[in-house]
Amino acid sequence: MRAFTIIAAILAISVSSCNNAPTEKKTSPTTDATTPDLTTWTEAMKTSILADFDKGIDSTLYMPTPDGNFSDVFFFRNGEVKKKQYLSKDSLTILEVFIAGTAGEFELRRKFCPNGQITFEGITLHNEHCGMNSWWHCNGQLEHQGLRYRSNKFGKWPYWKKDGTPDHEDNFGLMGYLDSLSTIQFSGRN
């Protein structure tokens, strides 16, 4: 049993704060004195979730939809779903979700363009987006990115055009959410 402890030097997200109910791209968001750079936390969490999946799977379930246009593929280890993949009828990945944690509370979600380019990547905790979320144009250029807490946008969100030039920036404020961000412990059991 290997425990991963992620203590981000800048910030991390508290399990209790994020939910009271139940080829990689390196990017650097626009930061200033009031917007922390959560790229470090996001990369560390992504690495931990993928390391949990890399421990292996013992079974796979392939389920085509009744109309035959899509398929759901579930990857299991010890009876727990560790990855969900949604495929088009041409077997192109539309969405993949890596699931980790003692009760599957963490997810790394990725959406894809028809050309295979990642178009979205983000971490969820108990099905709510927390931390840095990034979107790309299908040509691989960063489209926009920003911070979320309990799926709410906060801080500055820069946007870029398809050619990579800056487009605009939204500021959602709500920097009080930063007070809710602290330390996470991820146990890579199973």
Protein backbone atom coordinates (compact mmCIF):
# COMPACT_ATOMS: atom_id res chain seq x y z
CA MET A 1 0.00 0.00 0.00
CA ARG A 2 1.52 3.26 -1.11
CA ALA A 3 0.24 6.60 0.16
CA PHE A 4 0.69 9.71 -1.87
CA THR A 5 0.80 12.92 0.11
CA ILE A 6 0.50 16.04 -1.92
CA ILE A 7 1.39 19.22 -0.17
CA ALA A 8 1.55 21.97 -2.72
CA ALA A 9 3.98 24.74 -1.87
CA ILE A 10 1.51 27.29 -3.16
CA LEU A 11 -1.95 25.82 -2.42
CA ALA A 12 -3.89 22.60 -2.41
CA ILE A 13 -7.52 21.79 -1.90
CA SER A 14 -9.04 20.44 1.29
CA VAL A 15 -11.22 17.38 0.89
CA SER A 16 -13.70 18.69 3.44
CA SER A 17 -13.73 22.16 1.90
CA CYS A 18 -14.34 21.02 -1.65
CA ASN A 19 -17.41 18.96 -0.93
CA ASN A 20 -19.73 18.69 1.97
CA ALA A 21 -21.95 16.30 0.02
CA PRO A 22 -20.63 13.33 -0.92
CA THR A 23 2.33 14.15 -24.86
CA GLU A 24 1.14 16.32 -21.79
CA LYS A 25 0.87 20.06 -22.18
CA LYS A 26 2.64 22.31 -19.70
CA THR A 27 0.91 25.65 -19.38
CA SER A 28 1.38 28.68 -17.20
CA PRO A 29 -1.66 30.74 -16.37
CA THR A 30 -1.55 34.47 -15.96
CA THR A 31 -0.72 35.12 -12.34
CA ASP A 32 -0.39 38.16 -10.16
CA ALA A 33 -0.34 38.86 -6.43
CA THR A 34 -4.01 37.85 -6.05
CA THR A 35 -4.16 34.80 -8.35
CA PRO A 36 -2.06 31.82 -7.27
CA ASP A 37 -0.45 29.50 -9.79
CA LEU A 38 -2.08 26.12 -9.20
CA THR A 39 -0.22 24.48 -12.06
CA THR A 40 2.06 22.78 -9.53
CA TRP A 41 -0.88 21.34 -7.59
CA THR A 42 -2.69 20.26 -10.76
CA GLU A 43 0.39 18.51 -12.18
CA ALA A 44 1.07 16.74 -8.86
CA MET A 45 -2.54 15.59 -8.56
CA LYS A 46 -2.62 14.47 -12.21
CA THR A 47 0.58 12.48 -11.66
CA SER A 48 -0.89 10.80 -8.57
CA ILE A 49 -4.16 9.88 -10.29
CA LEU A 50 -2.35 8.44 -13.32
CA ALA A 51 0.07 6.55 -11.04
CA ASP A 52 -2.92 4.97 -9.33
CA PHE A 53 -4.28 3.83 -12.71
CA ASP A 54 -0.83 2.52 -13.70
CA LYS A 55 -1.05 -0.01 -10.86
CA GLY A 56 -3.04 -2.02 -13.36
CA ILE A 57 -6.51 -3.22 -14.16
CA ASP A 58 -7.96 -6.71 -13.94
CA SER A 59 -11.05 -6.45 -16.13
CA THR A 60 -12.68 -4.33 -18.82
CA LEU A 61 -16.34 -3.88 -19.72
CA TYR A 62 -17.25 -2.68 -23.22
CA MET A 63 -20.83 -1.41 -23.63
CA PRO A 64 -22.07 -0.05 -26.97
CA THR A 65 -25.04 2.31 -26.78
CA PRO A 66 -28.33 0.94 -28.17
CA ASP A 67 -28.06 3.09 -31.32
CA GLY A 68 -24.49 1.90 -31.93
CA ASN A 69 -23.09 5.44 -32.25
CA PHE A 70 -21.06 5.39 -29.04
CA SER A 71 -19.45 2.94 -26.64
CA ASP A 72 -18.65 3.14 -22.96
CA VAL A 73 -15.57 1.28 -21.77
CA PHE A 74 -14.99 0.69 -18.07
CA PHE A 75 -11.63 -0.44 -16.67
CA PHE A 76 -11.72 -2.17 -13.26
CA ARG A 77 -9.29 -3.13 -10.51
CA ASN A 78 -10.56 -5.17 -7.59
CA GLY A 79 -14.16 -4.46 -8.58
CA GLU A 80 -13.71 -0.67 -8.65
CA VAL A 81 -13.91 1.44 -11.80
CA LYS A 82 -10.50 3.05 -12.36
CA LYS A 83 -11.14 4.57 -15.78
CA LYS A 84 -14.13 5.36 -17.96
CA GLN A 85 -13.69 5.98 -21.64
CA TYR A 86 -16.37 7.16 -24.07
CA LEU A 87 -15.75 6.31 -27.70
CA SER A 88 -17.38 7.38 -30.97
CA LYS A 89 -18.62 4.74 -33.42
CA ASP A 90 -15.24 5.19 -35.15
CA SER A 91 -13.50 4.25 -31.86
CA LEU A 92 -12.22 7.80 -31.31
CA THR A 93 -11.94 8.80 -27.66
CA ILE A 94 -14.39 11.58 -26.83
CA LEU A 95 -13.90 11.62 -23.07
CA GLU A 96 -11.76 9.75 -20.57
CA VAL A 97 -12.02 9.85 -16.82
CA PHE A 98 -9.33 8.41 -14.54
CA ILE A 99 -10.73 7.64 -11.09
CA ALA A 100 -8.64 7.43 -7.91
CA GLY A 101 -8.78 7.74 -4.17
CA THR A 102 -10.08 5.50 -1.42
CA ALA A 103 -13.70 5.95 -2.55
CA GLY A 104 -13.11 7.19 -6.09
CA GLU A 105 -13.36 10.79 -4.96
CA PHE A 106 -10.68 12.12 -7.33
CA GLU A 107 -11.04 12.24 -11.11
CA LEU A 108 -8.82 13.46 -13.90
CA ARG A 109 -11.17 14.37 -16.75
CA ARG A 110 -10.10 14.85 -20.34
CA LYS A 111 -12.17 15.68 -23.41
CA PHE A 112 -10.82 15.25 -26.94
CA CYS A 113 -11.27 16.81 -30.38
CA PRO A 114 -11.92 14.47 -33.34
CA ASN A 115 -8.21 14.75 -34.24
CA GLY A 116 -7.19 13.31 -30.84
CA GLN A 117 -6.04 16.64 -29.38
CA ILE A 118 -6.98 17.17 -25.72
CA THR A 119 -9.55 19.96 -25.60
CA PHE A 120 -10.20 19.99 -21.84
CA GLU A 121 -8.39 18.76 -18.74
CA GLY A 122 -9.29 19.22 -15.11
CA ILE A 123 -9.41 17.57 -11.70
CA THR A 124 -12.60 16.92 -9.78
CA LEU A 125 -13.08 16.06 -6.15
CA HIS A 126 -16.42 14.41 -5.33
CA ASN A 127 -17.63 15.38 -8.82
CA GLU A 128 -16.88 19.09 -8.35
CA HIS A 129 -14.11 20.89 -10.24
CA CYS A 130 -11.29 22.12 -8.01
CA GLY A 131 -7.99 23.70 -8.97
CA MET A 132 -6.73 24.62 -12.45
CA ASN A 133 -8.89 23.76 -15.48
CA SER A 134 -7.54 24.13 -19.03
CA TRP A 135 -9.14 24.17 -22.49
CA TRP A 136 -7.37 23.96 -25.85
CA HIS A 137 -8.33 24.71 -29.44
CA CYS A 138 -8.28 21.58 -31.63
CA ASN A 139 -5.00 22.84 -33.16
CA GLY A 140 -3.27 22.45 -29.77
CA GLN A 141 -3.18 26.15 -28.84
CA LEU A 142 -4.33 26.98 -25.30
CA GLU A 143 -7.84 28.49 -25.46
CA HIS A 144 -8.45 29.48 -21.83
CA GLN A 145 -7.78 28.35 -18.29
CA GLY A 146 -8.65 29.26 -14.79
CA LEU A 147 -9.28 28.25 -11.22
CA ARG A 148 -12.36 26.55 -9.81
CA TYR A 149 -13.53 25.83 -6.31
CA ARG A 150 -16.60 23.58 -5.90
CA SER A 151 -17.10 24.07 -9.66
CA ASN A 152 -17.31 27.88 -9.26
CA LYS A 153 -14.94 29.96 -11.36
CA PHE A 154 -12.79 32.44 -9.48
CA GLY A 155 -9.83 34.71 -10.13
CA LYS A 156 -8.55 35.69 -13.56
CA TRP A 157 -9.25 33.53 -16.61
CA PRO A 158 -7.14 34.43 -19.67
CA TYR A 159 -8.36 33.52 -23.19
CA TRP A 160 -6.31 33.03 -26.36
CA LYS A 161 -7.19 32.92 -30.06
CA LYS A 162 -6.52 29.87 -32.25
CA ASP A 163 -3.22 31.44 -33.37
CA GLY A 164 -2.04 31.74 -29.75
CA THR A 165 -2.43 35.51 -29.41
CA PRO A 166 -4.18 36.83 -26.30
CA ASP A 167 -7.90 37.47 -26.75
CA HIS A 168 -9.31 38.74 -23.46
CA GLU A 169 -9.37 38.05 -19.75
CA ASP A 170 -12.33 37.56 -17.42
CA ASN A 171 -12.01 38.29 -13.73
CA PHE A 172 -14.53 36.40 -11.63
CA GLY A 173 -13.24 37.80 -8.36
CA LEU A 174 -14.41 35.64 -5.44
CA MET A 175 -10.86 35.43 -4.15
CA GLY A 176 -12.31 34.49 -0.75
CA TYR A 177 -12.32 30.93 -2.11
CA LEU A 178 -8.56 30.96 -1.61
CA ASP A 179 -9.17 30.83 2.14
CA SER A 180 -10.82 27.43 1.62
CA LEU A 181 -7.83 25.89 -0.14
CA SER A 182 -5.38 23.97 2.03
CA THR A 183 -3.76 20.50 2.13
CA ILE A 184 -4.95 17.31 0.41
CA GLN A 185 -4.01 13.77 1.20
CA PHE A 186 -4.49 11.23 -1.54
CA SER A 187 -4.18 7.60 -0.55
CA GLY A 188 -3.37 5.42 -3.53
CA ARG A 189 -4.72 2.22 -2.00
CA ASN A 190 -6.05 -0.66 -4.16
